[in-house]
Amino acid sequence: MKRWFLILVGFIFILSLSGFALAAEEKATPEKAAEPSGEVKTSEEAKPAEAAKAEEAKQEAPKPVIVKYRMGGEVVEVDAAARKITLKQDAVKKQRKVTLKVGKKATMDLEGVNAGDIVNVWVEGKTITKLTKVF
């Protein structure tokens, strides 16, 4: 009985190896190569085709993603004329200062904000869309 079991296990093992070999062989064989049409394109004729492909690649380029997020921090400097605000963020291991542009809608919220205030801001790209004074 053990003998038949060993033969069966060996047979299954050999079949599994042959399956991998066939799969690897299918991937290794290239598909049909294009048959030459007998016409030879000159380099001048090939240039417009390459230019068209380059234009298509430019048109298909994805638009940059505008990141929307919320951040908070202490106001270091407010420049109402230039519509810019500088925030200081304290983290566990590092501190950083960020200068952001204030959007048209958020300029009204900027009136009551002074240096030393704690604020939350909602940002799209590098422009503040909403500003809320916390303290």
Protein backbone atom coordinates (compact mmCIF):
# COMPACT_ATOMS: atom_id res chain seq x y z
CA MET A 1 0.00 0.00 0.00
CA LYS A 2 2.84 2.39 0.85
CA ARG A 3 4.43 1.61 -2.46
CA TRP A 4 1.34 2.66 -4.44
CA PHE A 5 1.04 5.82 -2.38
CA LEU A 6 4.67 6.76 -3.11
CA ILE A 7 4.17 6.07 -6.82
CA LEU A 8 1.03 8.24 -6.85
CA VAL A 9 2.78 11.12 -5.04
CA GLY A 10 5.76 10.86 -7.40
CA PHE A 11 3.48 10.90 -10.44
CA ILE A 12 1.66 14.01 -9.19
CA PHE A 13 5.00 15.71 -8.50
CA ILE A 14 6.22 15.00 -12.05
CA LEU A 15 2.96 16.34 -13.54
CA SER A 16 3.23 19.54 -11.52
CA LEU A 17 6.78 20.16 -12.77
CA SER A 18 5.79 19.56 -16.38
CA GLY A 19 2.94 22.07 -16.01
CA PHE A 20 5.40 24.78 -14.93
CA ALA A 21 7.70 23.91 -17.81
CA LEU A 22 4.88 24.26 -20.35
CA ALA A 23 3.80 27.60 -18.90
CA ALA A 24 7.37 28.93 -19.02
CA GLU A 25 7.73 27.74 -22.63
CA GLU A 26 4.56 29.59 -23.70
CA LYS A 27 5.84 32.85 -22.22
CA ALA A 28 9.26 32.44 -23.81
CA THR A 29 8.02 31.99 -27.37
CA PRO A 30 7.46 35.32 -29.11
CA GLU A 31 4.27 35.91 -31.02
CA LYS A 32 4.31 36.08 -34.77
CA ALA A 33 6.69 38.68 -36.05
CA ALA A 34 5.32 41.21 -38.47
CA GLU A 35 5.87 40.14 -42.00
CA PRO A 36 7.89 42.57 -44.05
CA SER A 37 5.75 44.24 -46.69
CA GLY A 38 8.64 44.78 -49.05
CA GLU A 39 8.38 48.57 -48.71
CA VAL A 40 11.19 50.34 -46.98
CA LYS A 41 10.34 53.58 -45.21
CA THR A 42 12.88 56.31 -45.39
CA SER A 43 13.82 58.24 -42.30
CA GLU A 44 11.89 61.27 -43.61
CA GLU A 45 8.67 59.25 -43.76
CA ALA A 46 9.21 57.85 -40.27
CA LYS A 47 9.68 61.27 -38.63
CA PRO A 48 6.03 62.43 -38.97
CA ALA A 49 4.83 59.17 -37.44
CA GLU A 50 7.19 59.60 -34.51
CA ALA A 51 6.08 63.22 -34.07
CA ALA A 52 2.43 62.12 -34.03
CA LYS A 53 3.18 59.54 -31.34
CA ALA A 54 4.96 62.18 -29.25
CA GLU A 55 1.96 64.52 -29.54
CA GLU A 56 -0.40 61.73 -28.47
CA ALA A 57 1.78 61.02 -25.44
CA LYS A 58 1.65 64.69 -24.46
CA GLN A 59 -2.12 64.77 -24.79
CA GLU A 60 -2.55 61.59 -22.74
CA ALA A 61 -0.44 62.87 -19.84
CA PRO A 62 -2.60 62.86 -16.70
CA LYS A 63 -3.43 66.09 -14.96
CA PRO A 64 -1.65 66.63 -11.65
CA VAL A 65 -3.68 65.64 -8.62
CA ILE A 66 -4.54 68.50 -6.29
CA VAL A 67 -4.15 67.31 -2.73
CA LYS A 68 -6.76 68.48 -0.21
CA TYR A 69 -5.94 68.24 3.47
CA ARG A 70 -6.37 69.88 6.88
CA MET A 71 -3.53 71.08 9.01
CA GLY A 72 -3.16 73.12 12.14
CA GLY A 73 -0.51 75.13 13.90
CA GLU A 74 0.53 78.36 15.53
CA VAL A 75 0.52 81.51 13.41
CA VAL A 76 4.02 83.00 13.16
CA GLU A 77 3.39 85.75 10.62
CA VAL A 78 0.40 87.18 8.76
CA ASP A 79 0.89 89.23 5.59
CA ALA A 80 -2.58 90.45 4.65
CA ALA A 81 -1.36 92.55 1.71
CA ALA A 82 0.36 89.60 0.03
CA ARG A 83 -2.34 87.20 1.30
CA LYS A 84 0.20 84.85 2.90
CA ILE A 85 0.34 83.23 6.30
CA THR A 86 3.18 81.35 8.02
CA LEU A 87 2.33 78.49 10.39
CA LYS A 88 4.58 76.66 12.83
CA GLN A 89 3.79 73.03 13.46
CA ASP A 90 5.16 71.15 16.45
CA ALA A 91 5.52 67.41 16.10
CA VAL A 92 7.01 64.87 18.47
CA LYS A 93 10.39 64.71 16.74
CA LYS A 94 10.49 67.80 14.55
CA GLN A 95 9.19 71.30 14.02
CA ARG A 96 8.45 72.90 10.71
CA LYS A 97 7.29 76.24 9.36
CA VAL A 98 4.98 76.42 6.39
CA THR A 99 4.12 79.51 4.35
CA LEU A 100 0.86 79.25 2.42
CA LYS A 101 -1.17 81.51 0.13
CA VAL A 102 -4.63 82.47 1.32
CA GLY A 103 -7.43 81.96 -1.20
CA LYS A 104 -10.05 84.59 -2.03
CA LYS A 105 -12.74 82.94 0.09
CA ALA A 106 -10.48 82.61 3.12
CA THR A 107 -9.30 86.25 3.14
CA MET A 108 -12.36 87.25 5.19
CA ASP A 109 -11.37 84.71 7.87
CA LEU A 110 -7.85 86.20 7.97
CA GLU A 111 -9.01 89.50 9.53
CA GLY A 112 -9.14 88.32 13.17
CA VAL A 113 -5.97 86.22 13.05
CA ASN A 114 -2.78 87.53 14.70
CA ALA A 115 0.68 86.08 15.41
CA GLY A 116 0.53 83.56 18.25
CA ASP A 117 -3.00 82.31 17.48
CA ILE A 118 -3.68 78.60 16.98
CA VAL A 119 -5.56 77.88 13.76
CA ASN A 120 -6.87 75.04 11.62
CA VAL A 121 -6.61 75.48 7.87
CA TRP A 122 -7.98 73.49 4.96
CA VAL A 123 -5.55 73.44 2.07
CA GLU A 124 -5.82 72.57 -1.65
CA GLY A 125 -2.39 72.35 -3.23
CA LYS A 126 -0.62 75.24 -1.45
CA THR A 127 -3.64 77.54 -1.14
CA ILE A 128 -5.76 77.87 2.00
CA THR A 129 -9.46 77.50 1.24
CA LYS A 130 -10.80 77.81 4.80
CA LEU A 131 -9.27 79.13 8.01
CA THR A 132 -10.65 78.62 11.52
CA LYS A 133 -9.23 80.21 14.67
CA VAL A 134 -9.03 77.69 17.54
CA PHE A 135 -7.47 79.83 20.34
